[in-house]
Amino acid sequence: MRSTVTDTLPPKVKRALGKLGADIALARKKRSLTVMMMAERLGIAKSTYLKIEKGDPTVAMGAYAMSFFVLGFDDALTKIVDTQRDEQGLLLDAERLPKRVRVRKSTGAT
């Protein structure tokens, strides 16, 4: 029996996707959009859109991205893993810096 994406997701990721779906549903309602209106604007089936609102990990990332766009969160994806705000990555970069910088001697004539 093959395991599905849902079976292998850590609980923290499942909760985050559930919250994302609930937040998308809330944003839709605040904008007075129906489920059918959202599905039409995203160019997907109503059932697929309902999966988005449930935080289903099997829905294509493009469908989630399009829902952000339709709701007016155009920059949402670019801010998720922003390298300028990646504290761990910045610390790792700092650790990799050399202790000293030396000028290499050139060999041969120029």
PDB file of N, CA and C in Angstrom:
ATOM      1  N   MET A   1       0.844  -1.186   0.000  1.00  0.00           N
ATOM      2  CA  MET A   1       0.000   0.000   0.000  1.00  0.00           C
ATOM      3  C   MET A   1       0.888   1.248   0.000  1.00  0.00           C
ATOM      4  N   ARG A   2       0.646   2.147  -0.940  1.00  0.00           N
ATOM      5  CA  ARG A   2       1.424   3.374  -1.020  1.00  0.00           C
ATOM      6  C   ARG A   2       0.944   4.373   0.011  1.00  0.00           C
ATOM      7  N   SER A   3       1.900   5.091   0.592  1.00  0.00           N
ATOM      8  CA  SER A   3       1.484   6.138   1.524  1.00  0.00           C
ATOM      9  C   SER A   3       1.213   7.414   0.724  1.00  0.00           C
ATOM     10  N   THR A   4       0.275   8.164   1.169  1.00  0.00           N
ATOM     11  CA  THR A   4      -0.067   9.407   0.485  1.00  0.00           C
ATOM     12  C   THR A   4       0.625  10.569   1.182  1.00  0.00           C
ATOM     13  N   VAL A   5       0.592  11.695   0.535  1.00  0.00           N
ATOM     14  CA  VAL A   5       1.191  12.901   1.108  1.00  0.00           C
ATOM     15  C   VAL A   5       0.593  13.171   2.486  1.00  0.00           C
ATOM     16  N   THR A   6      -0.687  12.994   2.610  1.00  0.00           N
ATOM     17  CA  THR A   6      -1.361  13.292   3.880  1.00  0.00           C
ATOM     18  C   THR A   6      -0.885  12.387   5.003  1.00  0.00           C
ATOM     19  N   ASP A   7      -0.555  11.146   4.681  1.00  0.00           N
ATOM     20  CA  ASP A   7      -0.089  10.215   5.705  1.00  0.00           C
ATOM     21  C   ASP A   7       1.291  10.577   6.244  1.00  0.00           C
ATOM     22  N   THR A   8       2.115  11.176   5.411  1.00  0.00           N
ATOM     23  CA  THR A   8       3.490  11.447   5.802  1.00  0.00           C
ATOM     24  C   THR A   8       3.728  12.857   6.342  1.00  0.00           C
ATOM     25  N   LEU A   9       2.731  13.709   6.282  1.00  0.00           N
ATOM     26  CA  LEU A   9       2.904  15.082   6.769  1.00  0.00           C
ATOM     27  C   LEU A   9       3.034  15.122   8.288  1.00  0.00           C
ATOM     28  N   PRO A  10       3.997  15.892   8.795  1.00  0.00           N
ATOM     29  CA  PRO A  10       4.072  16.083  10.243  1.00  0.00           C
ATOM     30  C   PRO A  10       2.831  16.826  10.741  1.00  0.00           C
ATOM     31  N   PRO A  11       2.398  16.565  11.969  1.00  0.00           N
ATOM     32  CA  PRO A  11       1.212  17.230  12.510  1.00  0.00           C
ATOM     33  C   PRO A  11       1.278  18.754  12.437  1.00  0.00           C
ATOM     34  N   LYS A  12       2.449  19.317  12.652  1.00  0.00           N
ATOM     35  CA  LYS A  12       2.597  20.773  12.605  1.00  0.00           C
ATOM     36  C   LYS A  12       2.279  21.316  11.211  1.00  0.00           C
ATOM     37  N   VAL A  13       2.693  20.588  10.180  1.00  0.00           N
ATOM     38  CA  VAL A  13       2.425  21.006   8.801  1.00  0.00           C
ATOM     39  C   VAL A  13       0.937  20.861   8.488  1.00  0.00           C
ATOM     40  N   LYS A  14       0.322  19.774   8.960  1.00  0.00           N
ATOM     41  CA  LYS A  14      -1.129  19.592   8.761  1.00  0.00           C
ATOM     42  C   LYS A  14      -1.910  20.740   9.386  1.00  0.00           C
ATOM     43  N   ARG A  15      -1.516  21.109  10.611  1.00  0.00           N
ATOM     44  CA  ARG A  15      -2.198  22.231  11.289  1.00  0.00           C
ATOM     45  C   ARG A  15      -2.003  23.531  10.527  1.00  0.00           C
ATOM     46  N   ALA A  16      -0.791  23.767  10.023  1.00  0.00           N
ATOM     47  CA  ALA A  16      -0.514  24.997   9.276  1.00  0.00           C
ATOM     48  C   ALA A  16      -1.349  25.065   8.004  1.00  0.00           C
ATOM     49  N   LEU A  17      -1.461  23.944   7.300  1.00  0.00           N
ATOM     50  CA  LEU A  17      -2.291  23.916   6.091  1.00  0.00           C
ATOM     51  C   LEU A  17      -3.762  24.115   6.428  1.00  0.00           C
ATOM     52  N   GLY A  18      -4.208  23.527   7.523  1.00  0.00           N
ATOM     53  CA  GLY A  18      -5.591  23.723   7.958  1.00  0.00           C
ATOM     54  C   GLY A  18      -5.877  25.176   8.262  1.00  0.00           C
ATOM     55  N   LYS A  19      -4.925  25.826   8.939  1.00  0.00           N
ATOM     56  CA  LYS A  19      -5.080  27.254   9.253  1.00  0.00           C
ATOM     57  C   LYS A  19      -5.075  28.086   7.977  1.00  0.00           C
ATOM     58  N   LEU A  20      -4.178  27.750   7.045  1.00  0.00           N
ATOM     59  CA  LEU A  20      -4.128  28.469   5.770  1.00  0.00           C
ATOM     60  C   LEU A  20      -5.470  28.367   5.049  1.00  0.00           C
ATOM     61  N   GLY A  21      -6.027  27.167   4.998  1.00  0.00           N
ATOM     62  CA  GLY A  21      -7.324  26.977   4.354  1.00  0.00           C
ATOM     63  C   GLY A  21      -8.423  27.777   5.032  1.00  0.00           C
ATOM     64  N   ALA A  22      -8.430  27.753   6.372  1.00  0.00           N
ATOM     65  CA  ALA A  22      -9.439  28.513   7.128  1.00  0.00           C
ATOM     66  C   ALA A  22      -9.269  30.013   6.894  1.00  0.00           C
ATOM     67  N   ASP A  23      -8.026  30.470   6.812  1.00  0.00           N
ATOM     68  CA  ASP A  23      -7.771  31.896   6.552  1.00  0.00           C
ATOM     69  C   ASP A  23      -8.224  32.298   5.153  1.00  0.00           C
ATOM     70  N   ILE A  24      -8.008  31.420   4.191  1.00  0.00           N
ATOM     71  CA  ILE A  24      -8.479  31.697   2.821  1.00  0.00           C
ATOM     72  C   ILE A  24     -10.006  31.779   2.806  1.00  0.00           C
ATOM     73  N   ALA A  25     -10.666  30.858   3.514  1.00  0.00           N
ATOM     74  CA  ALA A  25     -12.134  30.870   3.582  1.00  0.00           C
ATOM     75  C   ALA A  25     -12.632  32.167   4.222  1.00  0.00           C
ATOM     76  N   LEU A  26     -11.985  32.582   5.296  1.00  0.00           N
ATOM     77  CA  LEU A  26     -12.384  33.810   5.983  1.00  0.00           C
ATOM     78  C   LEU A  26     -12.183  35.031   5.081  1.00  0.00           C
ATOM     79  N   ALA A  27     -11.041  35.085   4.386  1.00  0.00           N
ATOM     80  CA  ALA A  27     -10.780  36.211   3.478  1.00  0.00           C
ATOM     81  C   ALA A  27     -11.822  36.246   2.361  1.00  0.00           C
ATOM     82  N   ARG A  28     -12.203  35.075   1.858  1.00  0.00           N
ATOM     83  CA  ARG A  28     -13.235  35.003   0.813  1.00  0.00           C
ATOM     84  C   ARG A  28     -14.553  35.568   1.321  1.00  0.00           C
ATOM     85  N   LYS A  29     -14.938  35.155   2.525  1.00  0.00           N
ATOM     86  CA  LYS A  29     -16.211  35.611   3.098  1.00  0.00           C
ATOM     87  C   LYS A  29     -16.200  37.116   3.353  1.00  0.00           C
ATOM     88  N   LYS A  30     -15.069  37.645   3.822  1.00  0.00           N
ATOM     89  CA  LYS A  30     -14.962  39.092   4.067  1.00  0.00           C
ATOM     90  C   LYS A  30     -15.149  39.883   2.776  1.00  0.00           C
ATOM     91  N   ARG A  31     -14.794  39.267   1.655  1.00  0.00           N
ATOM     92  CA  ARG A  31     -14.935  39.929   0.364  1.00  0.00           C
ATOM     93  C   ARG A  31     -16.269  39.620  -0.311  1.00  0.00           C
ATOM     94  N   SER A  32     -17.153  38.944   0.418  1.00  0.00           N
ATOM     95  CA  SER A  32     -18.486  38.578  -0.075  1.00  0.00           C
ATOM     96  C   SER A  32     -18.439  37.763  -1.361  1.00  0.00           C
ATOM     97  N   LEU A  33     -17.492  36.842  -1.425  1.00  0.00           N
ATOM     98  CA  LEU A  33     -17.379  35.972  -2.585  1.00  0.00           C
ATOM     99  C   LEU A  33     -17.910  34.587  -2.222  1.00  0.00           C
ATOM    100  N   THR A  34     -18.642  33.991  -3.127  1.00  0.00           N
ATOM    101  CA  THR A  34     -19.139  32.634  -2.887  1.00  0.00           C
ATOM    102  C   THR A  34     -18.052  31.627  -3.276  1.00  0.00           C
ATOM    103  N   VAL A  35     -18.235  30.397  -2.840  1.00  0.00           N
ATOM    104  CA  VAL A  35     -17.315  29.328  -3.206  1.00  0.00           C
ATOM    105  C   VAL A  35     -17.278  29.185  -4.729  1.00  0.00           C
ATOM    106  N   MET A  36     -18.440  29.238  -5.351  1.00  0.00           N
ATOM    107  CA  MET A  36     -18.519  29.103  -6.804  1.00  0.00           C
ATOM    108  C   MET A  36     -17.803  30.251  -7.507  1.00  0.00           C
ATOM    109  N   MET A  37     -17.930  31.467  -6.997  1.00  0.00           N
ATOM    110  CA  MET A  37     -17.248  32.619  -7.593  1.00  0.00           C
ATOM    111  C   MET A  37     -15.733  32.428  -7.529  1.00  0.00           C
ATOM    112  N   MET A  38     -15.250  31.946  -6.393  1.00  0.00           N
ATOM    113  CA  MET A  38     -13.811  31.709  -6.240  1.00  0.00           C
ATOM    114  C   MET A  38     -13.341  30.630  -7.209  1.00  0.00           C
ATOM    115  N   ALA A  39     -14.082  29.538  -7.280  1.00  0.00           N
ATOM    116  CA  ALA A  39     -13.700  28.444  -8.173  1.00  0.00           C
ATOM    117  C   ALA A  39     -13.629  28.928  -9.618  1.00  0.00           C
ATOM    118  N   GLU A  40     -14.592  29.730 -10.026  1.00  0.00           N
ATOM    119  CA  GLU A  40     -14.603  30.258 -11.391  1.00  0.00           C
ATOM    120  C   GLU A  40     -13.412  31.173 -11.632  1.00  0.00           C
ATOM    121  N   ARG A  41     -13.109  32.036 -10.677  1.00  0.00           N
ATOM    122  CA  ARG A  41     -11.986  32.961 -10.836  1.00  0.00           C
ATOM    123  C   ARG A  41     -10.645  32.244 -10.831  1.00  0.00           C
ATOM    124  N   LEU A  42     -10.582  31.133 -10.132  1.00  0.00           N
ATOM    125  CA  LEU A  42      -9.347  30.348 -10.098  1.00  0.00           C
ATOM    126  C   LEU A  42      -9.248  29.406 -11.286  1.00  0.00           C
ATOM    127  N   GLY A  43     -10.368  29.161 -11.942  1.00  0.00           N
ATOM    128  CA  GLY A  43     -10.388  28.250 -13.079  1.00  0.00           C
ATOM    129  C   GLY A  43     -10.282  26.792 -12.660  1.00  0.00           C
ATOM    130  N   ILE A  44     -10.872  26.481 -11.501  1.00  0.00           N
ATOM    131  CA  ILE A  44     -10.838  25.108 -10.985  1.00  0.00           C
ATOM    132  C   ILE A  44     -12.251  24.668 -10.608  1.00  0.00           C
ATOM    133  N   ALA A  45     -12.396  23.389 -10.340  1.00  0.00           N
ATOM    134  CA  ALA A  45     -13.694  22.858  -9.929  1.00  0.00           C
ATOM    135  C   ALA A  45     -14.021  23.322  -8.515  1.00  0.00           C
ATOM    136  N   LYS A  46     -15.313  23.404  -8.226  1.00  0.00           N
ATOM    137  CA  LYS A  46     -15.777  23.792  -6.900  1.00  0.00           C
ATOM    138  C   LYS A  46     -15.211  22.839  -5.844  1.00  0.00           C
ATOM    139  N   SER A  47     -15.173  21.554  -6.143  1.00  0.00           N
ATOM    140  CA  SER A  47     -14.666  20.565  -5.187  1.00  0.00           C
ATOM    141  C   SER A  47     -13.184  20.792  -4.878  1.00  0.00           C
ATOM    142  N   THR A  48     -12.430  21.210  -5.876  1.00  0.00           N
ATOM    143  CA  THR A  48     -11.006  21.500  -5.654  1.00  0.00           C
ATOM    144  C   THR A  48     -10.852  22.725  -4.777  1.00  0.00           C
ATOM    145  N   TYR A  49     -11.678  23.739  -5.037  1.00  0.00           N
ATOM    146  CA  TYR A  49     -11.599  24.933  -4.193  1.00  0.00           C
ATOM    147  C   TYR A  49     -11.954  24.605  -2.741  1.00  0.00           C
ATOM    148  N   LEU A  50     -12.939  23.769  -2.542  1.00  0.00           N
ATOM    149  CA  LEU A  50     -13.310  23.384  -1.177  1.00  0.00           C
ATOM    150  C   LEU A  50     -12.156  22.658  -0.480  1.00  0.00           C
ATOM    151  N   LYS A  51     -11.372  21.916  -1.251  1.00  0.00           N
ATOM    152  CA  LYS A  51     -10.184  21.269  -0.687  1.00  0.00           C
ATOM    153  C   LYS A  51      -9.168  22.315  -0.231  1.00  0.00           C
ATOM    154  N   ILE A  52      -9.052  23.401  -0.981  1.00  0.00           N
ATOM    155  CA  ILE A  52      -8.152  24.491  -0.588  1.00  0.00           C
ATOM    156  C   ILE A  52      -8.572  25.031   0.770  1.00  0.00           C
ATOM    157  N   GLU A  53      -9.867  25.268   0.939  1.00  0.00           N
ATOM    158  CA  GLU A  53     -10.353  25.817   2.206  1.00  0.00           C
ATOM    159  C   GLU A  53     -10.181  24.841   3.367  1.00  0.00           C
ATOM    160  N   LYS A  54     -10.013  23.565   3.053  1.00  0.00           N
ATOM    161  CA  LYS A  54      -9.751  22.570   4.100  1.00  0.00           C
ATOM    162  C   LYS A  54      -8.253  22.388   4.334  1.00  0.00           C
ATOM    163  N   GLY A  55      -7.425  23.027   3.494  1.00  0.00           N
ATOM    164  CA  GLY A  55      -5.983  22.901   3.632  1.00  0.00           C
ATOM    165  C   GLY A  55      -5.446  21.582   3.117  1.00  0.00           C
ATOM    166  N   ASP A  56      -6.073  21.042   2.102  1.00  0.00           N
ATOM    167  CA  ASP A  56      -5.677  19.757   1.532  1.00  0.00           C
ATOM    168  C   ASP A  56      -4.305  19.868   0.857  1.00  0.00           C
ATOM    169  N   PRO A  57      -3.332  19.041   1.274  1.00  0.00           N
ATOM    170  CA  PRO A  57      -1.991  19.121   0.699  1.00  0.00           C
ATOM    171  C   PRO A  57      -1.882  18.550  -0.711  1.00  0.00           C
ATOM    172  N   THR A  58      -2.911  17.884  -1.189  1.00  0.00           N
ATOM    173  CA  THR A  58      -2.844  17.302  -2.532  1.00  0.00           C
ATOM    174  C   THR A  58      -3.226  18.295  -3.622  1.00  0.00           C
ATOM    175  N   VAL A  59      -3.739  19.451  -3.245  1.00  0.00           N
ATOM    176  CA  VAL A  59      -4.100  20.471  -4.231  1.00  0.00           C
ATOM    177  C   VAL A  59      -2.810  21.142  -4.710  1.00  0.00           C
ATOM    178  N   ALA A  60      -2.732  21.379  -5.995  1.00  0.00           N
ATOM    179  CA  ALA A  60      -1.535  21.982  -6.593  1.00  0.00           C
ATOM    180  C   ALA A  60      -1.245  23.352  -5.982  1.00  0.00           C
ATOM    181  N   MET A  61       0.049  23.601  -5.817  1.00  0.00           N
ATOM    182  CA  MET A  61       0.480  24.875  -5.242  1.00  0.00           C
ATOM    183  C   MET A  61      -0.002  26.058  -6.091  1.00  0.00           C
ATOM    184  N   GLY A  62      -0.095  25.845  -7.392  1.00  0.00           N
ATOM    185  CA  GLY A  62      -0.579  26.907  -8.272  1.00  0.00           C
ATOM    186  C   GLY A  62      -1.999  27.328  -7.948  1.00  0.00           C
ATOM    187  N   ALA A  63      -2.823  26.382  -7.522  1.00  0.00           N
ATOM    188  CA  ALA A  63      -4.208  26.711  -7.156  1.00  0.00           C
ATOM    189  C   ALA A  63      -4.220  27.551  -5.882  1.00  0.00           C
ATOM    190  N   TYR A  64      -3.372  27.197  -4.918  1.00  0.00           N
ATOM    191  CA  TYR A  64      -3.253  28.023  -3.707  1.00  0.00           C
ATOM    192  C   TYR A  64      -2.757  29.419  -4.083  1.00  0.00           C
ATOM    193  N   ALA A  65      -1.730  29.478  -4.944  1.00  0.00           N
ATOM    194  CA  ALA A  65      -1.162  30.766  -5.353  1.00  0.00           C
ATOM    195  C   ALA A  65      -2.208  31.629  -6.044  1.00  0.00           C
ATOM    196  N   MET A  66      -3.005  31.015  -6.879  1.00  0.00           N
ATOM    197  CA  MET A  66      -4.042  31.767  -7.585  1.00  0.00           C
ATOM    198  C   MET A  66      -5.098  32.279  -6.610  1.00  0.00           C
ATOM    199  N   SER A  67      -5.388  31.494  -5.579  1.00  0.00           N
ATOM    200  CA  SER A  67      -6.368  31.967  -4.587  1.00  0.00           C
ATOM    201  C   SER A  67      -5.814  33.172  -3.832  1.00  0.00           C
ATOM    202  N   PHE A  68      -4.503  33.189  -3.559  1.00  0.00           N
ATOM    203  CA  PHE A  68      -3.889  34.363  -2.921  1.00  0.00           C
ATOM    204  C   PHE A  68      -4.068  35.577  -3.823  1.00  0.00           C
ATOM    205  N   PHE A  69      -3.813  35.390  -5.104  1.00  0.00           N
ATOM    206  CA  PHE A  69      -3.915  36.486  -6.067  1.00  0.00           C
ATOM    207  C   PHE A  69      -5.334  37.021  -6.146  1.00  0.00           C
ATOM    208  N   VAL A  70      -6.310  36.126  -6.266  1.00  0.00           N
ATOM    209  CA  VAL A  70      -7.711  36.540  -6.388  1.00  0.00           C
ATOM    210  C   VAL A  70      -8.156  37.311  -5.139  1.00  0.00           C
ATOM    211  N   LEU A  71      -7.630  36.911  -3.984  1.00  0.00           N
ATOM    212  CA  LEU A  71      -8.012  37.571  -2.729  1.00  0.00           C
ATOM    213  C   LEU A  71      -7.207  38.842  -2.459  1.00  0.00           C
ATOM    214  N   GLY A  72      -6.234  39.139  -3.317  1.00  0.00           N
ATOM    215  CA  GLY A  72      -5.453  40.370  -3.157  1.00  0.00           C
ATOM    216  C   GLY A  72      -4.169  40.211  -2.373  1.00  0.00           C
ATOM    217  N   PHE A  73      -3.724  38.983  -2.160  1.00  0.00           N
ATOM    218  CA  PHE A  73      -2.471  38.736  -1.444  1.00  0.00           C
ATOM    219  C   PHE A  73      -1.381  38.411  -2.466  1.00  0.00           C
ATOM    220  N   ASP A  74      -1.159  39.316  -3.397  1.00  0.00           N
ATOM    221  CA  ASP A  74      -0.242  39.096  -4.510  1.00  0.00           C
ATOM    222  C   ASP A  74       1.179  38.746  -4.076  1.00  0.00           C
ATOM    223  N   ASP A  75       1.658  39.357  -2.994  1.00  0.00           N
ATOM    224  CA  ASP A  75       3.046  39.173  -2.562  1.00  0.00           C
ATOM    225  C   ASP A  75       3.235  38.025  -1.578  1.00  0.00           C
ATOM    226  N   ALA A  76       2.186  37.321  -1.239  1.00  0.00           N
ATOM    227  CA  ALA A  76       2.252  36.302  -0.191  1.00  0.00           C
ATOM    228  C   ALA A  76       3.331  35.255  -0.445  1.00  0.00           C
ATOM    229  N   LEU A  77       3.409  34.741  -1.642  1.00  0.00           N
ATOM    230  CA  LEU A  77       4.377  33.676  -1.923  1.00  0.00           C
ATOM    231  C   LEU A  77       5.815  34.170  -1.871  1.00  0.00           C
ATOM    232  N   THR A  78       6.053  35.382  -2.303  1.00  0.00           N
ATOM    233  CA  THR A  78       7.428  35.888  -2.303  1.00  0.00           C
ATOM    234  C   THR A  78       7.951  36.135  -0.899  1.00  0.00           C
ATOM    235  N   LYS A  79       7.063  36.239   0.071  1.00  0.00           N
ATOM    236  CA  LYS A  79       7.484  36.503   1.449  1.00  0.00           C
ATOM    237  C   LYS A  79       7.635  35.242   2.296  1.00  0.00           C
ATOM    238  N   ILE A  80       7.170  34.103   1.798  1.00  0.00           N
ATOM    239  CA  ILE A  80       7.190  32.885   2.605  1.00  0.00           C
ATOM    240  C   ILE A  80       8.608  32.473   2.971  1.00  0.00           C
ATOM    241  N   VAL A  81       9.468  32.345   1.991  1.00  0.00           N
ATOM    242  CA  VAL A  81      10.852  31.953   2.256  1.00  0.00           C
ATOM    243  C   VAL A  81      11.760  33.056   1.711  1.00  0.00           C
ATOM    244  N   ASP A  82      11.699  34.198   2.346  1.00  0.00           N
ATOM    245  CA  ASP A  82      12.503  35.348   1.954  1.00  0.00           C
ATOM    246  C   ASP A  82      13.907  35.175   2.532  1.00  0.00           C
ATOM    247  N   THR A  83      14.906  35.083   1.665  1.00  0.00           N
ATOM    248  CA  THR A  83      16.275  34.830   2.131  1.00  0.00           C
ATOM    249  C   THR A  83      16.817  35.950   3.010  1.00  0.00           C
ATOM    250  N   GLN A  84      16.274  37.137   2.888  1.00  0.00           N
ATOM    251  CA  GLN A  84      16.732  38.240   3.731  1.00  0.00           C
ATOM    252  C   GLN A  84      16.221  38.112   5.162  1.00  0.00           C
ATOM    253  N   ARG A  85      15.145  37.333   5.350  1.00  0.00           N
ATOM    254  CA  ARG A  85      14.588  37.130   6.697  1.00  0.00           C
ATOM    255  C   ARG A  85      14.878  35.725   7.225  1.00  0.00           C
ATOM    256  N   ASP A  86      15.713  34.974   6.526  1.00  0.00           N
ATOM    257  CA  ASP A  86      16.058  33.609   6.898  1.00  0.00           C
ATOM    258  C   ASP A  86      17.160  33.633   7.947  1.00  0.00           C
ATOM    259  N   GLU A  87      16.773  33.728   9.215  1.00  0.00           N
ATOM    260  CA  GLU A  87      17.750  33.867  10.292  1.00  0.00           C
ATOM    261  C   GLU A  87      18.721  32.695  10.340  1.00  0.00           C
ATOM    262  N   GLN A  88      18.223  31.480  10.213  1.00  0.00           N
ATOM    263  CA  GLN A  88      19.103  30.312  10.254  1.00  0.00           C
ATOM    264  C   GLN A  88      20.085  30.333   9.082  1.00  0.00           C
ATOM    265  N   GLY A  89      19.604  30.635   7.897  1.00  0.00           N
ATOM    266  CA  GLY A  89      20.473  30.708   6.726  1.00  0.00           C
ATOM    267  C   GLY A  89      21.532  31.785   6.867  1.00  0.00           C
ATOM    268  N   LEU A  90      21.147  32.932   7.412  1.00  0.00           N
ATOM    269  CA  LEU A  90      22.110  34.016   7.613  1.00  0.00           C
ATOM    270  C   LEU A  90      23.171  33.623   8.637  1.00  0.00           C
ATOM    271  N   LEU A  91      22.766  32.909   9.694  1.00  0.00           N
ATOM    272  CA  LEU A  91      23.741  32.427  10.677  1.00  0.00           C
ATOM    273  C   LEU A  91      24.695  31.419  10.052  1.00  0.00           C
ATOM    274  N   LEU A  92      24.173  30.521   9.233  1.00  0.00           N
ATOM    275  CA  LEU A  92      25.027  29.538   8.557  1.00  0.00           C
ATOM    276  C   LEU A  92      26.016  30.224   7.620  1.00  0.00           C
ATOM    277  N   ASP A  93      25.564  31.253   6.918  1.00  0.00           N
ATOM    278  CA  ASP A  93      26.471  32.018   6.060  1.00  0.00           C
ATOM    279  C   ASP A  93      27.593  32.642   6.886  1.00  0.00           C
ATOM    280  N   ALA A  94      27.244  33.212   8.023  1.00  0.00           N
ATOM    281  CA  ALA A  94      28.244  33.852   8.887  1.00  0.00           C
ATOM    282  C   ALA A  94      29.256  32.826   9.400  1.00  0.00           C
ATOM    283  N   GLU A  95      28.799  31.623   9.718  1.00  0.00           N
ATOM    284  CA  GLU A  95      29.706  30.572  10.196  1.00  0.00           C
ATOM    285  C   GLU A  95      30.664  30.110   9.109  1.00  0.00           C
ATOM    286  N   ARG A  96      30.263  30.195   7.877  1.00  0.00           N
ATOM    287  CA  ARG A  96      31.088  29.723   6.759  1.00  0.00           C
ATOM    288  C   ARG A  96      32.130  30.740   6.310  1.00  0.00           C
ATOM    289  N   LEU A  97      32.040  31.955   6.835  1.00  0.00           N
ATOM    290  CA  LEU A  97      33.016  32.971   6.441  1.00  0.00           C
ATOM    291  C   LEU A  97      34.402  32.536   6.889  1.00  0.00           C
ATOM    292  N   PRO A  98      35.419  32.795   6.074  1.00  0.00           N
ATOM    293  CA  PRO A  98      36.769  32.398   6.465  1.00  0.00           C
ATOM    294  C   PRO A  98      37.262  33.238   7.646  1.00  0.00           C
ATOM    295  N   LYS A  99      38.139  32.637   8.431  1.00  0.00           N
ATOM    296  CA  LYS A  99      38.721  33.356   9.572  1.00  0.00           C
ATOM    297  C   LYS A  99      39.620  34.489   9.070  1.00  0.00           C
ATOM    298  N   ARG A 100      40.380  34.185   8.019  1.00  0.00           N
ATOM    299  CA  ARG A 100      41.264  35.183   7.413  1.00  0.00           C
ATOM    300  C   ARG A 100      41.089  35.153   5.906  1.00  0.00           C
ATOM    301  N   VAL A 101      41.378  36.299   5.302  1.00  0.00           N
ATOM    302  CA  VAL A 101      41.370  36.388   3.845  1.00  0.00           C
ATOM    303  C   VAL A 101      42.794  36.681   3.410  1.00  0.00           C
ATOM    304  N   ARG A 102      43.312  35.863   2.519  1.00  0.00           N
ATOM    305  CA  ARG A 102      44.693  36.042   2.046  1.00  0.00           C
ATOM    306  C   ARG A 102      44.670  36.327   0.538  1.00  0.00           C
ATOM    307  N   VAL A 103      45.597  37.147   0.130  1.00  0.00           N
ATOM    308  CA  VAL A 103      45.767  37.425  -1.296  1.00  0.00           C
ATOM    309  C   VAL A 103      46.648  36.308  -1.849  1.00  0.00           C
ATOM    310  N   ARG A 104      46.200  35.687  -2.904  1.00  0.00           N
ATOM    311  CA  ARG A 104      46.974  34.609  -3.510  1.00  0.00           C
ATOM    312  C   ARG A 104      48.113  35.200  -4.334  1.00  0.00           C
ATOM    313  N   LYS A 105      49.225  34.552  -4.242  1.00  0.00           N
ATOM    314  CA  LYS A 105      50.382  34.976  -5.034  1.00  0.00           C
ATOM    315  C   LYS A 105      50.190  34.499  -6.462  1.00  0.00           C
ATOM    316  N   SER A 106      50.466  35.377  -7.404  1.00  0.00           N
ATOM    317  CA  SER A 106      50.339  34.972  -8.800  1.00  0.00           C
ATOM    318  C   SER A 106      51.600  34.251  -9.234  1.00  0.00           C
ATOM    319  N   THR A 107      51.419  33.264 -10.048  1.00  0.00           N
ATOM    320  CA  THR A 107      52.565  32.511 -10.550  1.00  0.00           C
ATOM    321  C   THR A 107      52.776  32.837 -12.002  1.00  0.00           C
ATOM    322  N   GLY A 108      54.013  33.076 -12.387  1.00  0.00           N
ATOM    323  CA  GLY A 108      54.314  33.363 -13.780  1.00  0.00           C
ATOM    324  C   GLY A 108      54.244  34.842 -14.094  1.00  0.00           C
ATOM    325  N   ALA A 109      54.606  35.195 -15.281  1.00  0.00           N
ATOM    326  CA  ALA A 109      54.619  36.597 -15.732  1.00  0.00           C
ATOM    327  C   ALA A 109      53.246  37.006 -16.218  1.00  0.00           C
ATOM    328  N   THR A 110      52.987  38.269 -16.117  1.00  0.00           N
ATOM    329  CA  THR A 110      51.723  38.816 -16.591  1.00  0.00           C
ATOM    330  C   THR A 110      51.823  39.454 -17.929  1.00  0.00           C
TER     331      THR A 110
END
